[in-house]
C-alpha atoms as a PDB file:
ATOM      1  CA  MET A   1     -17.195 -25.687  -4.545  1.00  0.00           C
ATOM      2  CA  THR A   2     -19.905 -22.519  -4.147  1.00  0.00           C
ATOM      3  CA  THR A   3     -18.721 -20.830  -0.460  1.00  0.00           C
ATOM      4  CA  ARG A   4     -21.104 -19.344   1.688  1.00  0.00           C
ATOM      5  CA  ARG A   5     -19.521 -15.965   0.780  1.00  0.00           C
ATOM      6  CA  ASP A   6     -20.021 -16.427  -3.064  1.00  0.00           C
ATOM      7  CA  LEU A   7     -23.989 -18.002  -2.490  1.00  0.00           C
ATOM      8  CA  ILE A   8     -26.100 -15.060  -1.641  1.00  0.00           C
ATOM      9  CA  PRO A   9     -24.314 -12.418  -4.107  1.00  0.00           C
ATOM     10  CA  GLY A  10     -24.542 -15.334  -7.079  1.00  0.00           C
ATOM     11  CA  LEU A  11     -27.964 -15.290  -6.375  1.00  0.00           C
ATOM     12  CA  GLY A  12     -28.660 -11.444  -6.270  1.00  0.00           C
ATOM     13  CA  LEU A  13     -26.850 -11.195  -8.969  1.00  0.00           C
ATOM     14  CA  THR A  14     -29.026 -13.918 -11.208  1.00  0.00           C
ATOM     15  CA  PHE A  15     -32.527 -12.289  -9.951  1.00  0.00           C
ATOM     16  CA  LEU A  16     -30.950  -9.078 -11.313  1.00  0.00           C
ATOM     17  CA  GLY A  17     -30.229 -10.686 -14.483  1.00  0.00           C
ATOM     18  CA  VAL A  18     -33.779 -12.394 -13.961  1.00  0.00           C
ATOM     19  CA  LEU A  19     -35.545  -9.137 -13.486  1.00  0.00           C
ATOM     20  CA  ALA A  20     -34.146  -7.936 -16.564  1.00  0.00           C
ATOM     21  CA  PHE A  21     -35.274 -11.312 -18.771  1.00  0.00           C
ATOM     22  CA  SER A  22     -38.847 -11.119 -17.528  1.00  0.00           C
ATOM     23  CA  LEU A  23     -39.614  -8.400 -19.914  1.00  0.00           C
ATOM     24  CA  THR A  24     -38.384 -10.229 -22.931  1.00  0.00           C
ATOM     25  CA  LEU A  25     -41.628 -11.673 -24.010  1.00  0.00           C
ATOM     26  CA  PRO A  26     -43.742  -8.974 -23.175  1.00  0.00           C
ATOM     27  CA  MET A  27     -41.451  -6.624 -25.213  1.00  0.00           C
ATOM     28  CA  THR A  28     -41.002  -8.966 -28.338  1.00  0.00           C
ATOM     29  CA  ARG A  29     -45.141  -9.535 -28.444  1.00  0.00           C
ATOM     30  CA  LEU A  30     -45.349  -5.167 -28.362  1.00  0.00           C
ATOM     31  CA  ALA A  31     -42.437  -4.937 -30.811  1.00  0.00           C
ATOM     32  CA  ILE A  32     -43.888  -7.584 -33.287  1.00  0.00           C
ATOM     33  CA  THR A  33     -46.922  -5.361 -33.474  1.00  0.00           C
ATOM     34  CA  ALA A  34     -45.311  -3.040 -35.780  1.00  0.00           C
ATOM     35  CA  LEU A  35     -41.988  -4.846 -36.858  1.00  0.00           C
ATOM     36  CA  GLU A  36     -41.787  -8.235 -38.678  1.00  0.00           C
ATOM     37  CA  PRO A  37     -40.447 -11.320 -36.174  1.00  0.00           C
ATOM     38  CA  ALA A  38     -37.408 -11.542 -38.794  1.00  0.00           C
ATOM     39  CA  GLN A  39     -36.408  -7.749 -37.661  1.00  0.00           C
ATOM     40  CA  VAL A  40     -36.774  -8.307 -34.235  1.00  0.00           C
ATOM     41  CA  ALA A  41     -35.047 -11.492 -33.948  1.00  0.00           C
ATOM     42  CA  LEU A  42     -31.888 -10.283 -36.412  1.00  0.00           C
ATOM     43  CA  TRP A  43     -31.427  -6.591 -35.934  1.00  0.00           C
ATOM     44  CA  ARG A  44     -31.866  -6.876 -31.522  1.00  0.00           C
ATOM     45  CA  VAL A  45     -28.739  -8.792 -31.484  1.00  0.00           C
ATOM     46  CA  LEU A  46     -26.885  -6.684 -34.427  1.00  0.00           C
ATOM     47  CA  VAL A  47     -27.384  -3.486 -32.342  1.00  0.00           C
ATOM     48  CA  ALA A  48     -26.594  -5.310 -29.187  1.00  0.00           C
ATOM     49  CA  ALA A  49     -23.268  -6.501 -30.861  1.00  0.00           C
ATOM     50  CA  ALA A  50     -22.601  -2.964 -32.117  1.00  0.00           C
ATOM     51  CA  LEU A  51     -22.513  -1.975 -28.134  1.00  0.00           C
ATOM     52  CA  ALA A  52     -20.604  -4.994 -27.081  1.00  0.00           C
ATOM     53  CA  THR A  53     -18.031  -4.053 -29.427  1.00  0.00           C
ATOM     54  CA  THR A  54     -17.938  -0.784 -28.340  1.00  0.00           C
ATOM     55  CA  ILE A  55     -17.649  -2.078 -24.629  1.00  0.00           C
ATOM     56  CA  LEU A  56     -15.066  -4.148 -25.218  1.00  0.00           C
ATOM     57  CA  VAL A  57     -13.130  -1.156 -27.313  1.00  0.00           C
ATOM     58  CA  ALA A  58     -13.532   1.066 -24.488  1.00  0.00           C
ATOM     59  CA  PHE A  59     -12.729  -1.207 -21.623  1.00  0.00           C
ATOM     60  CA  ARG A  60     -10.470  -3.734 -23.156  1.00  0.00           C
ATOM     61  CA  PRO A  61     -10.862  -7.040 -20.827  1.00  0.00           C
ATOM     62  CA  SER A  62      -8.569  -9.986 -21.125  1.00  0.00           C
ATOM     63  CA  ARG A  63      -9.536 -11.607 -23.949  1.00  0.00           C
ATOM     64  CA  PRO A  64     -10.564 -15.689 -24.083  1.00  0.00           C
ATOM     65  CA  GLN A  65      -8.026 -17.950 -24.404  1.00  0.00           C
ATOM     66  CA  GLY A  66      -7.754 -21.620 -25.610  1.00  0.00           C
ATOM     67  CA  GLY A  67     -10.805 -23.363 -24.773  1.00  0.00           C
ATOM     68  CA  GLN A  68     -12.831 -20.415 -23.310  1.00  0.00           C
ATOM     69  CA  TRP A  69     -13.370 -19.677 -26.980  1.00  0.00           C
ATOM     70  CA  ALA A  70     -15.327 -22.821 -27.249  1.00  0.00           C
ATOM     71  CA  TYR A  71     -17.378 -21.667 -24.088  1.00  0.00           C
ATOM     72  CA  ILE A  72     -18.041 -18.439 -25.741  1.00  0.00           C
ATOM     73  CA  ALA A  73     -19.328 -19.834 -29.164  1.00  0.00           C
ATOM     74  CA  ALA A  74     -21.465 -22.069 -27.942  1.00  0.00           C
ATOM     75  CA  CYS A  75     -22.889 -19.557 -25.338  1.00  0.00           C
ATOM     76  CA  ALA A  76     -23.446 -17.556 -28.831  1.00  0.00           C
ATOM     77  CA  MET A  77     -25.434 -20.289 -30.434  1.00  0.00           C
ATOM     78  CA  GLY A  78     -27.683 -20.702 -27.770  1.00  0.00           C
ATOM     79  CA  THR A  79     -28.091 -17.244 -26.750  1.00  0.00           C
ATOM     80  CA  VAL A  80     -27.609 -15.099 -29.711  1.00  0.00           C
ATOM     81  CA  PHE A  81     -29.019 -17.069 -32.052  1.00  0.00           C
ATOM     82  CA  GLY A  82     -31.521 -20.184 -30.726  1.00  0.00           C
ATOM     83  CA  PHE A  83     -33.117 -18.046 -28.097  1.00  0.00           C
ATOM     84  CA  PRO A  84     -34.275 -14.995 -29.755  1.00  0.00           C
ATOM     85  CA  PHE A  85     -35.022 -16.189 -33.247  1.00  0.00           C
ATOM     86  CA  PHE A  86     -37.215 -19.201 -31.448  1.00  0.00           C
ATOM     87  CA  THR A  87     -38.965 -16.581 -29.010  1.00  0.00           C
ATOM     88  CA  THR A  88     -39.794 -14.097 -31.846  1.00  0.00           C
ATOM     89  CA  LEU A  89     -41.309 -16.642 -34.126  1.00  0.00           C
ATOM     90  CA  GLY A  90     -43.255 -18.438 -30.643  1.00  0.00           C
ATOM     91  CA  MET A  91     -44.881 -14.955 -29.667  1.00  0.00           C
ATOM     92  CA  GLN A  92     -46.634 -14.885 -32.921  1.00  0.00           C
ATOM     93  CA  SER A  93     -49.443 -17.223 -31.936  1.00  0.00           C
ATOM     94  CA  VAL A  94     -48.767 -17.625 -28.226  1.00  0.00           C
ATOM     95  CA  SER A  95     -49.579 -15.140 -25.469  1.00  0.00           C
ATOM     96  CA  ALA A  96     -46.970 -13.478 -23.274  1.00  0.00           C
ATOM     97  CA  SER A  97     -48.569 -14.789 -20.073  1.00  0.00           C
ATOM     98  CA  HIS A  98     -48.391 -18.606 -21.251  1.00  0.00           C
ATOM     99  CA  GLY A  99     -45.068 -18.082 -23.000  1.00  0.00           C
ATOM    100  CA  ALA A 100     -44.078 -17.217 -19.677  1.00  0.00           C
ATOM    101  CA  VAL A 101     -45.306 -20.735 -18.415  1.00  0.00           C
ATOM    102  CA  VAL A 102     -43.584 -22.645 -20.790  1.00  0.00           C
ATOM    103  CA  VAL A 103     -40.466 -20.672 -20.119  1.00  0.00           C
ATOM    104  CA  GLY A 104     -40.928 -21.744 -16.636  1.00  0.00           C
ATOM    105  CA  LEU A 105     -39.409 -25.126 -18.224  1.00  0.00           C
ATOM    106  CA  LEU A 106     -36.335 -23.086 -18.431  1.00  0.00           C
ATOM    107  CA  PRO A 107     -34.868 -23.486 -14.519  1.00  0.00           C
ATOM    108  CA  LEU A 108     -35.182 -27.138 -15.022  1.00  0.00           C
ATOM    109  CA  ALA A 109     -33.249 -27.040 -18.249  1.00  0.00           C
ATOM    110  CA  THR A 110     -30.693 -25.303 -17.285  1.00  0.00           C
ATOM    111  CA  ALA A 111     -29.657 -27.226 -14.046  1.00  0.00           C
ATOM    112  CA  VAL A 112     -29.704 -30.027 -16.132  1.00  0.00           C
ATOM    113  CA  CYS A 113     -26.919 -28.543 -18.765  1.00  0.00           C
ATOM    114  CA  GLY A 114     -25.292 -27.488 -15.446  1.00  0.00           C
ATOM    115  CA  VAL A 115     -24.892 -31.303 -14.620  1.00  0.00           C
ATOM    116  CA  VAL A 116     -23.992 -32.305 -18.276  1.00  0.00           C
ATOM    117  CA  ILE A 117     -22.029 -29.231 -19.148  1.00  0.00           C
ATOM    118  CA  GLY A 118     -21.047 -27.754 -15.949  1.00  0.00           C
ATOM    119  CA  ASN A 119     -20.036 -31.019 -13.730  1.00  0.00           C
ATOM    120  CA  GLU A 120     -22.275 -30.192 -10.982  1.00  0.00           C
ATOM    121  CA  ARG A 121     -23.594 -33.015  -9.084  1.00  0.00           C
ATOM    122  CA  PRO A 122     -27.050 -32.619  -7.371  1.00  0.00           C
ATOM    123  CA  SER A 123     -28.599 -35.080  -5.071  1.00  0.00           C
ATOM    124  CA  LEU A 124     -31.530 -37.210  -5.877  1.00  0.00           C
ATOM    125  CA  VAL A 125     -33.907 -34.836  -4.165  1.00  0.00           C
ATOM    126  CA  PHE A 126     -33.321 -32.474  -6.542  1.00  0.00           C
ATOM    127  CA  TRP A 127     -33.651 -34.418  -9.591  1.00  0.00           C
ATOM    128  CA  ALA A 128     -37.005 -35.401  -8.504  1.00  0.00           C
ATOM    129  CA  ALA A 129     -38.161 -32.003  -8.013  1.00  0.00           C
ATOM    130  CA  ALA A 130     -36.889 -31.010 -11.497  1.00  0.00           C
ATOM    131  CA  VAL A 131     -38.708 -33.917 -13.250  1.00  0.00           C
ATOM    132  CA  ALA A 132     -42.011 -33.124 -11.250  1.00  0.00           C
ATOM    133  CA  GLY A 133     -41.875 -29.632 -12.178  1.00  0.00           C
ATOM    134  CA  THR A 134     -40.964 -30.576 -15.692  1.00  0.00           C
ATOM    135  CA  VAL A 135     -44.016 -32.553 -15.580  1.00  0.00           C
ATOM    136  CA  LEU A 136     -46.921 -30.092 -14.273  1.00  0.00           C
ATOM    137  CA  THR A 137     -45.240 -27.203 -16.598  1.00  0.00           C
ATOM    138  CA  LEU A 138     -45.751 -29.493 -19.800  1.00  0.00           C
ATOM    139  CA  VAL A 139     -48.991 -30.761 -18.522  1.00  0.00           C
ATOM    140  CA  PHE A 140     -50.025 -26.851 -18.188  1.00  0.00           C
ATOM    141  CA  VAL A 141     -49.166 -26.286 -22.295  1.00  0.00           C
ATOM    142  CA  LEU A 142     -51.021 -29.372 -23.399  1.00  0.00           C
ATOM    143  CA  ARG A 143     -54.369 -28.056 -21.311  1.00  0.00           C
ATOM    144  CA  GLN A 144     -53.844 -24.630 -22.253  1.00  0.00           C
ATOM    145  CA  ALA A 145     -53.080 -25.203 -26.149  1.00  0.00           C
ATOM    146  CA  GLU A 146     -56.282 -25.181 -28.129  1.00  0.00           C
ATOM    147  CA  GLU A 147     -56.520 -28.560 -30.578  1.00  0.00           C
ATOM    148  CA  GLY A 148     -53.260 -29.531 -29.035  1.00  0.00           C
ATOM    149  CA  LEU A 149     -49.428 -28.192 -29.113  1.00  0.00           C
ATOM    150  CA  ALA A 150     -49.265 -25.042 -31.126  1.00  0.00           C
ATOM    151  CA  PHE A 151     -46.408 -24.029 -33.149  1.00  0.00           C
ATOM    152  CA  GLY A 152     -45.789 -21.468 -31.131  1.00  0.00           C
ATOM    153  CA  HIS A 153     -45.128 -23.430 -28.161  1.00  0.00           C
ATOM    154  CA  VAL A 154     -43.036 -25.380 -30.244  1.00  0.00           C
ATOM    155  CA  TRP A 155     -40.863 -22.666 -30.883  1.00  0.00           C
ATOM    156  CA  LEU A 156     -40.624 -21.617 -27.207  1.00  0.00           C
ATOM    157  CA  LEU A 157     -39.674 -25.384 -26.332  1.00  0.00           C
ATOM    158  CA  LEU A 158     -37.133 -25.177 -28.680  1.00  0.00           C
ATOM    159  CA  ALA A 159     -35.760 -21.728 -27.229  1.00  0.00           C
ATOM    160  CA  ILE A 160     -35.900 -23.203 -23.771  1.00  0.00           C
ATOM    161  CA  ILE A 161     -33.678 -25.747 -24.854  1.00  0.00           C
ATOM    162  CA  ALA A 162     -31.048 -23.193 -26.948  1.00  0.00           C
ATOM    163  CA  ALA A 163     -31.011 -20.470 -23.835  1.00  0.00           C
ATOM    164  CA  ALA A 164     -30.143 -23.527 -21.139  1.00  0.00           C
ATOM    165  CA  ILE A 165     -27.424 -24.592 -23.167  1.00  0.00           C
ATOM    166  CA  GLY A 166     -26.326 -21.011 -23.840  1.00  0.00           C
ATOM    167  CA  TYR A 167     -26.694 -20.117 -19.989  1.00  0.00           C
ATOM    168  CA  ALA A 168     -24.649 -23.256 -18.768  1.00  0.00           C
ATOM    169  CA  TYR A 169     -21.426 -22.602 -21.217  1.00  0.00           C
ATOM    170  CA  GLY A 170     -21.879 -18.723 -20.263  1.00  0.00           C
ATOM    171  CA  GLY A 171     -21.870 -19.671 -16.652  1.00  0.00           C
ATOM    172  CA  LEU A 172     -18.847 -21.929 -17.240  1.00  0.00           C
ATOM    173  CA  ALA A 173     -16.895 -18.888 -19.280  1.00  0.00           C
ATOM    174  CA  ALA A 174     -17.436 -16.307 -16.419  1.00  0.00           C
ATOM    175  CA  ARG A 175     -15.553 -18.662 -13.675  1.00  0.00           C
ATOM    176  CA  THR A 176     -12.257 -17.514 -15.584  1.00  0.00           C
ATOM    177  CA  LEU A 177     -13.730 -14.461 -17.455  1.00  0.00           C
ATOM    178  CA  LYS A 178     -15.587 -10.691 -16.237  1.00  0.00           C
ATOM    179  CA  GLY A 179     -19.545 -11.971 -16.519  1.00  0.00           C
ATOM    180  CA  TRP A 180     -20.096  -8.641 -18.593  1.00  0.00           C
ATOM    181  CA  SER A 181     -17.034  -9.559 -21.091  1.00  0.00           C
ATOM    182  CA  VAL A 182     -18.569 -12.956 -21.652  1.00  0.00           C
ATOM    183  CA  ALA A 183     -21.761 -11.283 -22.792  1.00  0.00           C
ATOM    184  CA  CYS A 184     -19.917  -9.340 -25.079  1.00  0.00           C
ATOM    185  CA  TRP A 185     -17.607 -11.742 -26.559  1.00  0.00           C
ATOM    186  CA  ALA A 186     -20.460 -13.882 -27.120  1.00  0.00           C
ATOM    187  CA  LEU A 187     -22.010 -11.210 -29.217  1.00  0.00           C
ATOM    188  CA  VAL A 188     -18.588 -10.404 -30.968  1.00  0.00           C
ATOM    189  CA  VAL A 189     -18.261 -13.523 -31.969  1.00  0.00           C
ATOM    190  CA  SER A 190     -21.427 -13.468 -33.444  1.00  0.00           C
ATOM    191  CA  LEU A 191     -20.943 -10.671 -36.052  1.00  0.00           C
ATOM    192  CA  PRO A 192     -19.333 -12.682 -38.918  1.00  0.00           C
ATOM    193  CA  ILE A 193     -22.798 -14.249 -39.390  1.00  0.00           C
ATOM    194  CA  LEU A 194     -24.882 -11.255 -38.169  1.00  0.00           C
ATOM    195  CA  ILE A 195     -23.537  -9.119 -40.696  1.00  0.00           C
ATOM    196  CA  PRO A 196     -24.204 -11.034 -43.944  1.00  0.00           C
ATOM    197  CA  LEU A 197     -27.861 -11.715 -42.641  1.00  0.00           C
ATOM    198  CA  GLY A 198     -28.384  -7.988 -41.802  1.00  0.00           C
ATOM    199  CA  PHE A 199     -28.113  -7.490 -45.343  1.00  0.00           C
ATOM    200  CA  LEU A 200     -31.020  -9.474 -46.238  1.00  0.00           C
ATOM    201  CA  VAL A 201     -33.492  -8.075 -43.604  1.00  0.00           C
ATOM    202  CA  PRO A 202     -34.081  -4.743 -43.406  1.00  0.00           C
ATOM    203  CA  SER A 203     -33.715  -2.835 -40.195  1.00  0.00           C
ATOM    204  CA  PRO A 204     -36.544  -1.274 -38.269  1.00  0.00           C
ATOM    205  CA  PRO A 205     -37.824   1.913 -39.850  1.00  0.00           C
ATOM    206  CA  LEU A 206     -37.178   5.269 -37.762  1.00  0.00           C
ATOM    207  CA  GLY A 207     -40.951   5.648 -38.623  1.00  0.00           C
ATOM    208  CA  THR A 208     -41.930   2.671 -36.293  1.00  0.00           C
ATOM    209  CA  PRO A 209     -44.449   3.555 -33.445  1.00  0.00           C
ATOM    210  CA  ILE A 210     -42.815   4.584 -30.342  1.00  0.00           C
ATOM    211  CA  PRO A 211     -44.307   1.881 -28.104  1.00  0.00           C
ATOM    212  CA  ALA A 212     -42.886  -0.798 -30.568  1.00  0.00           C
ATOM    213  CA  LEU A 213     -39.446   1.123 -31.139  1.00  0.00           C
ATOM    214  CA  ALA A 214     -38.980   0.980 -27.604  1.00  0.00           C
ATOM    215  CA  ALA A 215     -39.597  -2.250 -27.318  1.00  0.00           C
ATOM    216  CA  PHE A 216     -37.139  -3.322 -29.534  1.00  0.00           C
ATOM    217  CA  ALA A 217     -34.417  -1.071 -28.044  1.00  0.00           C
ATOM    218  CA  TYR A 218     -35.355  -3.105 -24.457  1.00  0.00           C
ATOM    219  CA  LEU A 219     -34.781  -6.045 -26.428  1.00  0.00           C
ATOM    220  CA  ALA A 220     -31.510  -5.171 -28.014  1.00  0.00           C
ATOM    221  CA  VAL A 221     -29.941  -3.088 -24.923  1.00  0.00           C
ATOM    222  CA  ILE A 222     -31.243  -5.387 -21.377  1.00  0.00           C
ATOM    223  CA  SER A 223     -32.901  -8.431 -22.625  1.00  0.00           C
ATOM    224  CA  GLN A 224     -29.814  -9.130 -25.278  1.00  0.00           C
ATOM    225  CA  LEU A 225     -26.841  -7.143 -23.264  1.00  0.00           C
ATOM    226  CA  VAL A 226     -27.066  -6.006 -20.263  1.00  0.00           C
ATOM    227  CA  GLY A 227     -29.134  -8.565 -18.252  1.00  0.00           C
ATOM    228  CA  PHE A 228     -26.173 -11.123 -18.970  1.00  0.00           C
ATOM    229  CA  PHE A 229     -23.856  -8.753 -17.298  1.00  0.00           C
ATOM    230  CA  ALA A 230     -25.208  -9.954 -14.087  1.00  0.00           C
ATOM    231  CA  PHE A 231     -26.921 -13.388 -14.745  1.00  0.00           C
ATOM    232  CA  TYR A 232     -23.371 -14.929 -16.139  1.00  0.00           C
ATOM    233  CA  ARG A 233     -21.824 -13.812 -12.995  1.00  0.00           C
ATOM    234  CA  GLY A 234     -24.406 -15.407 -10.533  1.00  0.00           C
ATOM    235  CA  LEU A 235     -24.338 -18.503 -12.544  1.00  0.00           C
ATOM    236  CA  ALA A 236     -20.651 -18.391 -11.793  1.00  0.00           C
ATOM    237  CA  LEU A 237     -20.622 -17.633  -8.238  1.00  0.00           C
ATOM    238  CA  ALA A 238     -23.790 -19.707  -6.993  1.00  0.00           C
ATOM    239  CA  GLY A 239     -23.325 -22.639  -9.408  1.00  0.00           C
ATOM    240  CA  ILE A 240     -25.671 -23.177 -12.406  1.00  0.00           C
ATOM    241  CA  ALA A 241     -27.890 -25.712 -11.298  1.00  0.00           C
ATOM    242  CA  ARG A 242     -28.607 -23.718  -8.146  1.00  0.00           C
ATOM    243  CA  ALA A 243     -28.808 -20.385  -9.531  1.00  0.00           C
ATOM    244  CA  SER A 244     -30.655 -21.640 -12.277  1.00  0.00           C
ATOM    245  CA  GLN A 245     -33.941 -21.992 -10.456  1.00  0.00           C
ATOM    246  CA  VAL A 246     -33.626 -18.346  -9.470  1.00  0.00           C
ATOM    247  CA  GLN A 247     -35.383 -18.194 -13.180  1.00  0.00           C
ATOM    248  CA  LEU A 248     -38.356 -19.783 -11.909  1.00  0.00           C
ATOM    249  CA  LEU A 249     -39.674 -15.943 -10.435  1.00  0.00           C
ATOM    250  CA  GLN A 250     -39.450 -14.811 -13.884  1.00  0.00           C
ATOM    251  CA  LEU A 251     -42.603 -16.978 -14.552  1.00  0.00           C
ATOM    252  CA  PHE A 252     -44.847 -14.857 -12.350  1.00  0.00           C
ATOM    253  CA  LEU A 253     -42.685 -11.243 -13.049  1.00  0.00           C
ATOM    254  CA  THR A 254     -43.365 -11.871 -16.857  1.00  0.00           C
ATOM    255  CA  ILE A 255     -47.196 -12.536 -16.176  1.00  0.00           C
ATOM    256  CA  GLY A 256     -47.401  -9.628 -14.099  1.00  0.00           C
ATOM    257  CA  PHE A 257     -46.150  -7.259 -16.606  1.00  0.00           C
ATOM    258  CA  ALA A 258     -48.097  -9.258 -19.644  1.00  0.00           C
ATOM    259  CA  THR A 259     -51.316  -8.265 -17.488  1.00  0.00           C
ATOM    260  CA  THR A 260     -49.992  -4.570 -17.241  1.00  0.00           C
ATOM    261  CA  LEU A 261     -48.992  -4.310 -20.664  1.00  0.00           C
ATOM    262  CA  PHE A 262     -51.595  -6.252 -22.751  1.00  0.00           C
ATOM    263  CA  GLY A 263     -54.625  -6.466 -20.033  1.00  0.00           C
ATOM    264  CA  GLU A 264     -53.999 -10.474 -20.014  1.00  0.00           C
ATOM    265  CA  THR A 265     -55.533 -12.412 -17.027  1.00  0.00           C
ATOM    266  CA  TRP A 266     -54.300 -14.570 -14.343  1.00  0.00           C
ATOM    267  CA  ASP A 267     -56.427 -17.640 -14.820  1.00  0.00           C
ATOM    268  CA  GLY A 268     -57.126 -20.308 -12.385  1.00  0.00           C
ATOM    269  CA  GLU A 269     -55.055 -22.669 -14.050  1.00  0.00           C
ATOM    270  CA  VAL A 270     -52.059 -20.323 -14.495  1.00  0.00           C
ATOM    271  CA  ILE A 271     -52.168 -20.205 -10.499  1.00  0.00           C
ATOM    272  CA  THR A 272     -52.364 -23.415  -9.699  1.00  0.00           C
ATOM    273  CA  PHE A 273     -49.923 -25.011 -12.165  1.00  0.00           C
ATOM    274  CA  GLY A 274     -47.669 -21.929 -11.509  1.00  0.00           C
ATOM    275  CA  ALA A 275     -47.553 -22.405  -7.406  1.00  0.00           C
ATOM    276  CA  PHE A 276     -46.855 -26.229  -8.133  1.00  0.00           C
ATOM    277  CA  VAL A 277     -44.112 -25.731  -9.958  1.00  0.00           C
ATOM    278  CA  ILE A 278     -42.712 -23.211  -7.465  1.00  0.00           C
ATOM    279  CA  ILE A 279     -43.076 -25.592  -4.679  1.00  0.00           C
ATOM    280  CA  ALA A 280     -41.360 -28.360  -7.187  1.00  0.00           C
ATOM    281  CA  VAL A 281     -38.186 -25.972  -7.530  1.00  0.00           C
ATOM    282  CA  ALA A 282     -37.948 -24.706  -4.553  1.00  0.00           C
ATOM    283  CA  VAL A 283     -37.373 -28.161  -2.919  1.00  0.00           C
ATOM    284  CA  GLY A 284     -34.733 -28.650  -5.848  1.00  0.00           C
ATOM    285  CA  THR A 285     -33.195 -24.965  -4.638  1.00  0.00           C
ATOM    286  CA  ARG A 286     -32.663 -26.639  -1.016  1.00  0.00           C
ATOM    287  CA  ALA A 287     -31.353 -29.866  -2.072  1.00  0.00           C
ATOM    288  CA  ARG A 288     -27.524 -30.928  -1.819  1.00  0.00           C
ATOM    289  CA  ILE A 289     -25.739 -29.493  -4.965  1.00  0.00           C
ATOM    290  CA  LYS A 290     -22.011 -30.354  -5.172  1.00  0.00           C
ATOM    291  CA  THR A 291     -20.299 -28.091  -7.888  1.00  0.00           C
ATOM    292  CA  PRO A 292     -16.348 -28.273  -9.451  1.00  0.00           C
ATOM    293  CA  ALA A 293     -14.274 -25.705  -7.542  1.00  0.00           C
ATOM    294  CA  HIS A 294     -13.392 -22.530  -9.779  1.00  0.00           C
END
């Protein structure tokens, strides 16, 4: 079970990961102003995989064994393939601020995966808060989408499902492996699929405008690799369901960054629904959660 000694460092490390991820949607939106979505989605993970390979060769951590490989593979499917591709598609037609609110579903989805995959057992109070937060966020999306649910919102919802599954399996792997090595191995095992795709999609040209190229570099180095070093370890220490609730801060951090970078505004519905979701997840975070020993 999670101990008090593990809880605070675990939540702190999770916050560092969330802080890194909070710029993912704004940076994606900036990158696709000059690059094709397929270029951003594929080459961000190829660059990250190359860096991950270098890190593994340099530091030589223990290799995953037995069932750990299955966790790494499932983590890769969600975080290396699913989330980057779906968010890139979604950012073509959804503002970064509204995309951030949709991603407000991710803490709840990750908590569900912590129960199903990680064998954690939250109380009924936690479940009530989780359902309330989910309903509030979906209502917000439907109210904000013009003429119903846009394709961009659908892509982002698929990204949330993929990320939640990937996060849960990454957190499980980090219970017995170092968090940074989990992030690296998830990228390296993806190379047999990534490399052939790299021949089909041209790499970002060196003549790309500096802002878009810098955004792409952030996505590859921070969003796709370094942020996971702290995040997976945080999930392992604090427990997947409980630590996942820290991700709710990503909602407001991302909106703040989007406002700064793109001049997007905090309209009344963003603030109102965001506040209610914060309350729902705060209740869930305080609820009792039984976690398996590790």
